N, C-alpha and C. Protein backbone atom coordinates (compact mmCIF):
# COMPACT_ATOMS: atom_id res chain seq x y z
N MET A 1 15.90 -1.69 -11.38
CA MET A 1 15.48 -1.56 -9.99
C MET A 1 13.96 -1.64 -9.93
N ALA A 2 13.46 -1.98 -8.79
CA ALA A 2 12.03 -2.19 -8.60
C ALA A 2 11.23 -0.90 -8.69
N LYS A 3 9.95 -1.07 -9.10
CA LYS A 3 9.00 0.05 -9.16
C LYS A 3 8.13 0.02 -7.92
N ILE A 4 7.99 1.18 -7.29
CA ILE A 4 7.16 1.30 -6.10
C ILE A 4 6.10 2.36 -6.34
N LEU A 5 4.85 2.02 -6.06
CA LEU A 5 3.74 2.96 -6.19
C LEU A 5 3.37 3.48 -4.81
N ILE A 6 3.46 4.80 -4.64
CA ILE A 6 3.05 5.46 -3.41
C ILE A 6 1.65 6.02 -3.63
N VAL A 7 0.72 5.67 -2.74
CA VAL A 7 -0.66 6.13 -2.85
C VAL A 7 -0.99 6.92 -1.59
N ASP A 8 -1.08 8.23 -1.72
CA ASP A 8 -1.38 9.11 -0.59
C ASP A 8 -1.89 10.42 -1.15
N ASP A 9 -2.85 11.03 -0.46
CA ASP A 9 -3.42 12.29 -0.92
C ASP A 9 -2.68 13.51 -0.38
N GLN A 10 -1.64 13.31 0.42
CA GLN A 10 -0.88 14.42 0.98
C GLN A 10 0.45 14.56 0.23
N PRO A 11 0.56 15.58 -0.63
CA PRO A 11 1.75 15.73 -1.47
C PRO A 11 3.07 15.78 -0.70
N ASN A 12 3.07 16.37 0.49
CA ASN A 12 4.32 16.44 1.24
C ASN A 12 4.79 15.06 1.69
N ILE A 13 3.85 14.19 2.04
CA ILE A 13 4.21 12.82 2.42
C ILE A 13 4.70 12.05 1.20
N VAL A 14 4.00 12.20 0.08
CA VAL A 14 4.41 11.53 -1.16
C VAL A 14 5.83 11.94 -1.52
N ARG A 15 6.10 13.22 -1.46
CA ARG A 15 7.43 13.73 -1.85
C ARG A 15 8.51 13.20 -0.91
N THR A 16 8.25 13.17 0.39
CA THR A 16 9.23 12.67 1.35
C THR A 16 9.56 11.20 1.08
N LEU A 17 8.52 10.38 0.89
CA LEU A 17 8.73 8.97 0.60
C LEU A 17 9.43 8.78 -0.74
N GLN A 18 9.04 9.58 -1.72
CA GLN A 18 9.63 9.49 -3.05
C GLN A 18 11.13 9.77 -3.00
N VAL A 19 11.52 10.84 -2.32
CA VAL A 19 12.94 11.19 -2.21
C VAL A 19 13.72 10.06 -1.54
N ALA A 20 13.17 9.53 -0.44
CA ALA A 20 13.85 8.46 0.28
C ALA A 20 14.04 7.21 -0.59
N LEU A 21 12.99 6.84 -1.31
CA LEU A 21 13.06 5.65 -2.14
C LEU A 21 13.95 5.84 -3.37
N GLU A 22 13.83 7.00 -4.01
CA GLU A 22 14.66 7.27 -5.17
C GLU A 22 16.14 7.34 -4.80
N SER A 23 16.45 7.78 -3.58
CA SER A 23 17.85 7.84 -3.13
C SER A 23 18.45 6.43 -3.03
N GLN A 24 17.59 5.43 -2.94
CA GLN A 24 18.03 4.04 -2.89
C GLN A 24 17.97 3.36 -4.26
N GLY A 25 17.63 4.13 -5.29
CA GLY A 25 17.61 3.62 -6.65
C GLY A 25 16.28 3.06 -7.13
N TYR A 26 15.25 3.16 -6.31
CA TYR A 26 13.93 2.66 -6.74
C TYR A 26 13.28 3.62 -7.71
N GLU A 27 12.51 3.07 -8.64
CA GLU A 27 11.67 3.89 -9.51
C GLU A 27 10.37 4.12 -8.76
N VAL A 28 9.93 5.36 -8.65
CA VAL A 28 8.75 5.68 -7.85
C VAL A 28 7.63 6.21 -8.73
N LEU A 29 6.46 5.61 -8.56
CA LEU A 29 5.22 6.06 -9.19
C LEU A 29 4.36 6.62 -8.08
N THR A 30 3.47 7.57 -8.41
CA THR A 30 2.63 8.16 -7.36
C THR A 30 1.18 8.26 -7.81
N ALA A 31 0.30 8.26 -6.81
CA ALA A 31 -1.13 8.45 -7.05
C ALA A 31 -1.74 9.08 -5.81
N GLY A 32 -2.66 10.01 -6.01
CA GLY A 32 -3.30 10.70 -4.90
C GLY A 32 -4.70 10.21 -4.56
N SER A 33 -5.15 9.16 -5.24
CA SER A 33 -6.49 8.63 -4.98
C SER A 33 -6.54 7.15 -5.33
N LYS A 34 -7.57 6.50 -4.87
CA LYS A 34 -7.78 5.08 -5.16
C LYS A 34 -7.90 4.85 -6.67
N GLU A 35 -8.68 5.68 -7.33
CA GLU A 35 -8.91 5.52 -8.77
C GLU A 35 -7.61 5.69 -9.57
N LYS A 36 -6.85 6.70 -9.24
CA LYS A 36 -5.59 6.94 -9.94
C LYS A 36 -4.62 5.78 -9.65
N ALA A 37 -4.61 5.29 -8.42
CA ALA A 37 -3.73 4.19 -8.05
C ALA A 37 -4.06 2.93 -8.85
N GLU A 38 -5.34 2.64 -9.01
CA GLU A 38 -5.76 1.48 -9.80
C GLU A 38 -5.24 1.60 -11.22
N ALA A 39 -5.41 2.77 -11.81
CA ALA A 39 -4.98 2.99 -13.19
C ALA A 39 -3.47 2.85 -13.33
N VAL A 40 -2.72 3.44 -12.41
CA VAL A 40 -1.26 3.36 -12.46
C VAL A 40 -0.81 1.91 -12.25
N ALA A 41 -1.42 1.21 -11.31
CA ALA A 41 -1.04 -0.18 -11.04
C ALA A 41 -1.27 -1.06 -12.26
N VAL A 42 -2.42 -0.90 -12.90
CA VAL A 42 -2.73 -1.71 -14.08
C VAL A 42 -1.76 -1.39 -15.22
N ALA A 43 -1.45 -0.13 -15.42
CA ALA A 43 -0.58 0.29 -16.52
C ALA A 43 0.89 -0.06 -16.28
N ASP A 44 1.35 0.09 -15.03
CA ASP A 44 2.79 -0.01 -14.76
C ASP A 44 3.22 -1.20 -13.92
N LYS A 45 2.29 -1.96 -13.38
CA LYS A 45 2.58 -3.16 -12.59
C LYS A 45 3.74 -2.95 -11.60
N PRO A 46 3.47 -2.21 -10.52
CA PRO A 46 4.53 -1.97 -9.54
C PRO A 46 4.95 -3.26 -8.83
N ASP A 47 6.17 -3.25 -8.32
CA ASP A 47 6.69 -4.39 -7.57
C ASP A 47 6.26 -4.33 -6.10
N LEU A 48 5.82 -3.15 -5.66
CA LEU A 48 5.38 -2.95 -4.29
C LEU A 48 4.52 -1.69 -4.25
N MET A 49 3.56 -1.66 -3.33
CA MET A 49 2.74 -0.46 -3.15
C MET A 49 2.81 -0.01 -1.70
N ILE A 50 2.86 1.30 -1.50
CA ILE A 50 2.75 1.90 -0.18
C ILE A 50 1.46 2.68 -0.20
N VAL A 51 0.49 2.28 0.63
CA VAL A 51 -0.86 2.82 0.54
C VAL A 51 -1.28 3.46 1.86
N ASP A 52 -1.74 4.70 1.78
CA ASP A 52 -2.32 5.39 2.93
C ASP A 52 -3.73 4.85 3.16
N VAL A 53 -4.12 4.72 4.41
CA VAL A 53 -5.48 4.25 4.70
C VAL A 53 -6.50 5.34 4.42
N MET A 54 -6.32 6.50 5.05
CA MET A 54 -7.30 7.58 4.98
C MET A 54 -6.95 8.56 3.86
N MET A 55 -7.88 8.69 2.92
CA MET A 55 -7.75 9.65 1.83
C MET A 55 -9.06 10.43 1.76
N PRO A 56 -9.25 11.29 0.78
CA PRO A 56 -10.43 12.17 0.78
C PRO A 56 -11.78 11.48 0.96
N GLU A 57 -11.93 10.29 0.45
CA GLU A 57 -13.21 9.60 0.54
C GLU A 57 -13.31 8.70 1.78
N GLY A 58 -12.41 8.86 2.71
CA GLY A 58 -12.43 8.03 3.92
C GLY A 58 -11.39 6.94 3.87
N THR A 59 -11.81 5.71 4.02
CA THR A 59 -10.88 4.59 4.08
C THR A 59 -10.57 4.01 2.70
N GLU A 60 -10.24 4.88 1.78
CA GLU A 60 -9.96 4.45 0.41
C GLU A 60 -8.82 3.45 0.34
N GLY A 61 -7.86 3.56 1.24
CA GLY A 61 -6.73 2.63 1.23
C GLY A 61 -7.18 1.20 1.42
N PHE A 62 -8.12 0.97 2.35
CA PHE A 62 -8.65 -0.38 2.55
C PHE A 62 -9.30 -0.89 1.28
N HIS A 63 -10.11 -0.04 0.68
CA HIS A 63 -10.83 -0.43 -0.53
C HIS A 63 -9.87 -0.74 -1.68
N LEU A 64 -8.79 0.02 -1.76
CA LEU A 64 -7.78 -0.23 -2.79
C LEU A 64 -7.13 -1.59 -2.58
N VAL A 65 -6.80 -1.92 -1.34
CA VAL A 65 -6.20 -3.23 -1.05
C VAL A 65 -7.13 -4.35 -1.51
N TRP A 66 -8.40 -4.28 -1.15
CA TRP A 66 -9.35 -5.32 -1.55
C TRP A 66 -9.47 -5.40 -3.07
N LYS A 67 -9.47 -4.25 -3.72
CA LYS A 67 -9.55 -4.23 -5.19
C LYS A 67 -8.33 -4.91 -5.80
N MET A 68 -7.15 -4.61 -5.27
CA MET A 68 -5.93 -5.22 -5.80
C MET A 68 -5.95 -6.74 -5.59
N ARG A 69 -6.40 -7.18 -4.44
CA ARG A 69 -6.40 -8.61 -4.12
C ARG A 69 -7.40 -9.39 -4.97
N GLN A 70 -8.34 -8.70 -5.60
CA GLN A 70 -9.33 -9.36 -6.44
C GLN A 70 -9.00 -9.28 -7.93
N MET A 71 -7.88 -8.65 -8.28
CA MET A 71 -7.49 -8.53 -9.68
C MET A 71 -7.19 -9.90 -10.27
N GLU A 72 -7.54 -10.10 -11.53
CA GLU A 72 -7.24 -11.36 -12.21
C GLU A 72 -5.76 -11.52 -12.50
N ASP A 73 -5.09 -10.42 -12.79
CA ASP A 73 -3.65 -10.44 -13.08
C ASP A 73 -2.90 -10.71 -11.77
N GLU A 74 -2.19 -11.85 -11.71
CA GLU A 74 -1.50 -12.23 -10.48
C GLU A 74 -0.41 -11.24 -10.07
N ALA A 75 0.18 -10.55 -11.04
CA ALA A 75 1.17 -9.53 -10.70
C ALA A 75 0.54 -8.43 -9.86
N LEU A 76 -0.73 -8.18 -10.06
CA LEU A 76 -1.45 -7.17 -9.30
C LEU A 76 -2.07 -7.74 -8.03
N SER A 77 -2.67 -8.90 -8.12
CA SER A 77 -3.33 -9.47 -6.95
C SER A 77 -2.34 -9.90 -5.87
N ASN A 78 -1.10 -10.15 -6.25
CA ASN A 78 -0.09 -10.59 -5.29
C ASN A 78 0.95 -9.52 -4.97
N VAL A 79 0.75 -8.31 -5.46
CA VAL A 79 1.74 -7.26 -5.21
C VAL A 79 1.86 -7.02 -3.70
N PRO A 80 3.08 -6.97 -3.16
CA PRO A 80 3.24 -6.65 -1.74
C PRO A 80 2.74 -5.24 -1.46
N ILE A 81 2.03 -5.09 -0.33
CA ILE A 81 1.48 -3.79 0.04
C ILE A 81 1.89 -3.45 1.46
N ILE A 82 2.39 -2.23 1.63
CA ILE A 82 2.65 -1.65 2.95
C ILE A 82 1.60 -0.59 3.19
N MET A 83 0.88 -0.69 4.30
CA MET A 83 -0.10 0.33 4.67
C MET A 83 0.61 1.38 5.52
N ALA A 84 0.54 2.63 5.10
CA ALA A 84 1.11 3.76 5.84
C ALA A 84 -0.03 4.49 6.51
N THR A 85 -0.03 4.52 7.83
CA THR A 85 -1.18 5.06 8.54
C THR A 85 -0.85 5.39 9.98
N GLY A 86 -1.76 6.08 10.62
CA GLY A 86 -1.65 6.35 12.04
C GLY A 86 -2.15 5.19 12.88
N ILE A 87 -2.72 4.18 12.24
CA ILE A 87 -3.20 2.99 12.95
C ILE A 87 -1.98 2.09 13.17
N HIS A 88 -1.70 1.77 14.39
CA HIS A 88 -0.49 1.03 14.73
C HIS A 88 -0.60 -0.46 14.46
N GLU A 89 0.54 -1.10 14.28
CA GLU A 89 0.57 -2.53 14.02
C GLU A 89 -0.11 -3.34 15.11
N THR A 90 -0.09 -2.84 16.33
CA THR A 90 -0.65 -3.60 17.44
C THR A 90 -2.17 -3.54 17.49
N THR A 91 -2.77 -2.69 16.67
CA THR A 91 -4.23 -2.63 16.63
C THR A 91 -4.77 -3.88 15.96
N GLU A 92 -5.74 -4.52 16.57
CA GLU A 92 -6.34 -5.70 15.96
C GLU A 92 -7.40 -5.27 14.95
N LEU A 93 -6.94 -4.58 13.93
CA LEU A 93 -7.83 -4.06 12.91
C LEU A 93 -8.33 -5.19 12.04
N ARG A 94 -9.63 -5.27 11.87
CA ARG A 94 -10.22 -6.28 11.00
C ARG A 94 -11.17 -5.57 10.03
N PHE A 95 -11.19 -6.06 8.83
CA PHE A 95 -12.04 -5.49 7.80
C PHE A 95 -13.16 -6.46 7.52
N TYR A 96 -14.39 -5.99 7.45
CA TYR A 96 -15.57 -6.85 7.31
C TYR A 96 -15.58 -7.95 8.38
N PRO A 97 -15.58 -7.60 9.66
CA PRO A 97 -15.46 -8.62 10.70
C PRO A 97 -16.63 -9.60 10.78
N ASP A 98 -17.79 -9.26 10.28
CA ASP A 98 -18.95 -10.13 10.43
C ASP A 98 -19.50 -10.68 9.12
N GLN A 99 -18.80 -10.44 8.03
CA GLN A 99 -19.30 -10.91 6.75
C GLN A 99 -18.15 -11.32 5.85
N THR A 100 -18.44 -11.92 4.74
CA THR A 100 -17.40 -12.31 3.81
C THR A 100 -17.76 -11.79 2.42
N ASP A 101 -16.72 -11.55 1.62
CA ASP A 101 -16.96 -11.14 0.24
C ASP A 101 -16.76 -12.31 -0.71
N GLY A 102 -16.61 -13.52 -0.16
CA GLY A 102 -16.39 -14.70 -0.98
C GLY A 102 -14.91 -15.01 -1.18
N THR A 103 -14.05 -14.04 -0.93
CA THR A 103 -12.62 -14.24 -1.07
C THR A 103 -11.96 -14.38 0.29
N TYR A 104 -12.39 -13.55 1.22
CA TYR A 104 -11.80 -13.54 2.56
C TYR A 104 -12.88 -13.88 3.57
N GLU A 105 -12.51 -14.64 4.56
CA GLU A 105 -13.44 -15.08 5.59
C GLU A 105 -13.71 -13.97 6.60
N PRO A 106 -14.84 -14.04 7.29
CA PRO A 106 -15.14 -13.04 8.31
C PRO A 106 -14.03 -12.96 9.35
N GLY A 107 -13.64 -11.75 9.69
CA GLY A 107 -12.63 -11.54 10.72
C GLY A 107 -11.19 -11.68 10.25
N GLU A 108 -10.96 -12.00 9.00
CA GLU A 108 -9.60 -12.15 8.51
C GLU A 108 -8.93 -10.78 8.44
N PHE A 109 -7.68 -10.73 8.81
CA PHE A 109 -6.95 -9.46 8.78
C PHE A 109 -6.83 -8.94 7.34
N LEU A 110 -6.69 -7.65 7.21
CA LEU A 110 -6.49 -7.03 5.91
C LEU A 110 -5.24 -7.64 5.27
N PRO A 111 -5.34 -8.13 4.04
CA PRO A 111 -4.23 -8.87 3.43
C PRO A 111 -3.11 -7.98 2.89
N VAL A 112 -2.33 -7.44 3.82
CA VAL A 112 -1.16 -6.64 3.46
C VAL A 112 0.06 -7.27 4.11
N GLN A 113 1.23 -6.92 3.62
CA GLN A 113 2.45 -7.53 4.12
C GLN A 113 3.09 -6.77 5.27
N ALA A 114 2.78 -5.46 5.40
CA ALA A 114 3.40 -4.68 6.47
C ALA A 114 2.60 -3.42 6.73
N TRP A 115 2.81 -2.88 7.92
CA TRP A 115 2.23 -1.60 8.32
C TRP A 115 3.38 -0.68 8.68
N ILE A 116 3.20 0.59 8.41
CA ILE A 116 4.20 1.58 8.83
C ILE A 116 3.44 2.78 9.38
N ASP A 117 3.92 3.28 10.51
CA ASP A 117 3.25 4.40 11.16
C ASP A 117 3.65 5.73 10.54
N LYS A 118 2.69 6.65 10.54
CA LYS A 118 2.96 8.03 10.17
C LYS A 118 3.14 8.83 11.45
N PRO A 119 4.07 9.74 11.52
CA PRO A 119 5.01 10.07 10.45
C PRO A 119 5.97 8.92 10.21
N VAL A 120 6.30 8.72 8.95
CA VAL A 120 7.11 7.58 8.54
C VAL A 120 8.58 7.82 8.89
N ALA A 121 9.15 6.83 9.57
CA ALA A 121 10.59 6.83 9.83
C ALA A 121 11.25 6.21 8.60
N VAL A 122 12.10 6.97 7.93
CA VAL A 122 12.69 6.53 6.66
C VAL A 122 13.43 5.21 6.81
N ASP A 123 14.20 5.03 7.87
CA ASP A 123 14.94 3.77 8.06
C ASP A 123 13.99 2.59 8.15
N ASP A 124 12.89 2.75 8.87
CA ASP A 124 11.88 1.70 9.00
C ASP A 124 11.26 1.39 7.64
N LEU A 125 10.92 2.44 6.91
CA LEU A 125 10.34 2.26 5.58
C LEU A 125 11.29 1.48 4.68
N LEU A 126 12.55 1.89 4.61
CA LEU A 126 13.51 1.24 3.72
C LEU A 126 13.75 -0.21 4.12
N GLU A 127 13.76 -0.50 5.42
CA GLU A 127 13.94 -1.88 5.88
C GLU A 127 12.78 -2.74 5.39
N LYS A 128 11.56 -2.24 5.52
CA LYS A 128 10.39 -3.02 5.10
C LYS A 128 10.34 -3.18 3.58
N VAL A 129 10.65 -2.12 2.87
CA VAL A 129 10.67 -2.20 1.40
C VAL A 129 11.70 -3.21 0.95
N ASN A 130 12.91 -3.12 1.49
CA ASN A 130 13.98 -4.04 1.08
C ASN A 130 13.64 -5.49 1.43
N ARG A 131 13.02 -5.70 2.59
CA ARG A 131 12.63 -7.05 3.00
C ARG A 131 11.56 -7.62 2.05
N LEU A 132 10.60 -6.80 1.68
CA LEU A 132 9.50 -7.28 0.84
C LEU A 132 9.88 -7.46 -0.62
N ILE A 133 10.74 -6.60 -1.10
CA ILE A 133 11.16 -6.70 -2.51
C ILE A 133 12.34 -7.66 -2.66
N GLY A 134 13.12 -7.77 -1.61
CA GLY A 134 14.24 -8.70 -1.64
C GLY A 134 15.45 -8.18 -2.39
N GLU A 135 15.62 -6.87 -2.37
CA GLU A 135 16.78 -6.30 -3.06
C GLU A 135 17.77 -5.76 -2.07
């Protein structure tokens, strides 16, 4: 079964998502910070990541996404990512709207495959996970 990395600094949210995913047979990895998530991703190569936007250092989730997308290992740079946040899908959120990092053009949307609102509806989460992993 697929490996899913949950990245969130709130243990109660991590545990809720972990229980829901494990009940469906997924192997769940967890990390409470951007740095820990990078280390776990490199070591365990998850099939999907669920990343919180806001963590102790602010918008660490955004920074983690950009870091993953710049990895040389294609298994990491192409890993599907679901952003779990209070920012709704309808928000026209743009990262670096007036500049480029050489990889993404100014105004390009954050390169993730899905957004999920907090508090997370388990049925919505499982639908998105299943659609992205294809299991």
